[in-house]
Amino acid sequence: MSSYNEKAKQSFLTRLRFFRFYCVVNDLSFTKENFLTFKTENHENLITVYTAQYSQWHRKDRLEDIPKKLSVQDAYEAMEQLIISDETDWYNDYFEQFKDRYPYQIFENQAKADTCEYCKITIDVINQLADKKKIFKKTYQRGYTMEIDRKKPNLEYTTENCVPCCYWCNNAKTDEFNDKEFIPIAIEIRKALENRLEK
């Protein structure tokens, strides 16, 4: 289970990745002040361009649905030029926002939850599976508590975007599915795990 500080750092890096891209495609200043006002949830179209085009297409391909005409290679080279002189300073200011957007108490409550938001499996059932030697994960540290998942995986960790999630759903959902898309898959995961108890 990741710590609160680790989630804050992951959230910071998520915002930073998309903020760099936002600055490049809109010819905006790459400053800490602009970074601190940038919120990923306000730029889902831009994130779609980044994840479905920039991260997938060939370097020579031209990006679509953005204000500036750029190839994937152009965008890559431009983003490489956007350097932070003091990342710790940016992160510290971001962390002050993070504490309001995803308070520690909410994180802790979600981490202590006993039911997965997606498949609805409980810690009690997971313990029964473990006692009967019916789960086969290879990571000792994970699986016996709920993890924190982002419903929309390319947005930041916020109260609205985070839910408790079992190890199996978290692995299966990856960064590909949003919460609504994943529910039918999650139901089948729970069924498969619960079926093991009957054998």
Foldseek 3Di string as FASTA:
>chain_A
DDDPVVQLVVLLVLLVVLVLLVCVLVVHDPDLVVSLVDFVVVPVVSVCQCPVPLVPHDQQDWGPDTPDTDGSVRSVVSSVPRDDPDVVVSSVVSVVVQCVFAPPVLQVCQQADQAAPAQRDGLVLQVLCVVVVNDDDDDPVFFNTWDKAFLQRSGGDGSVGIHTHGPVLCVVCDNPHHRVVCNVVSNVVVVVSVVSSVD
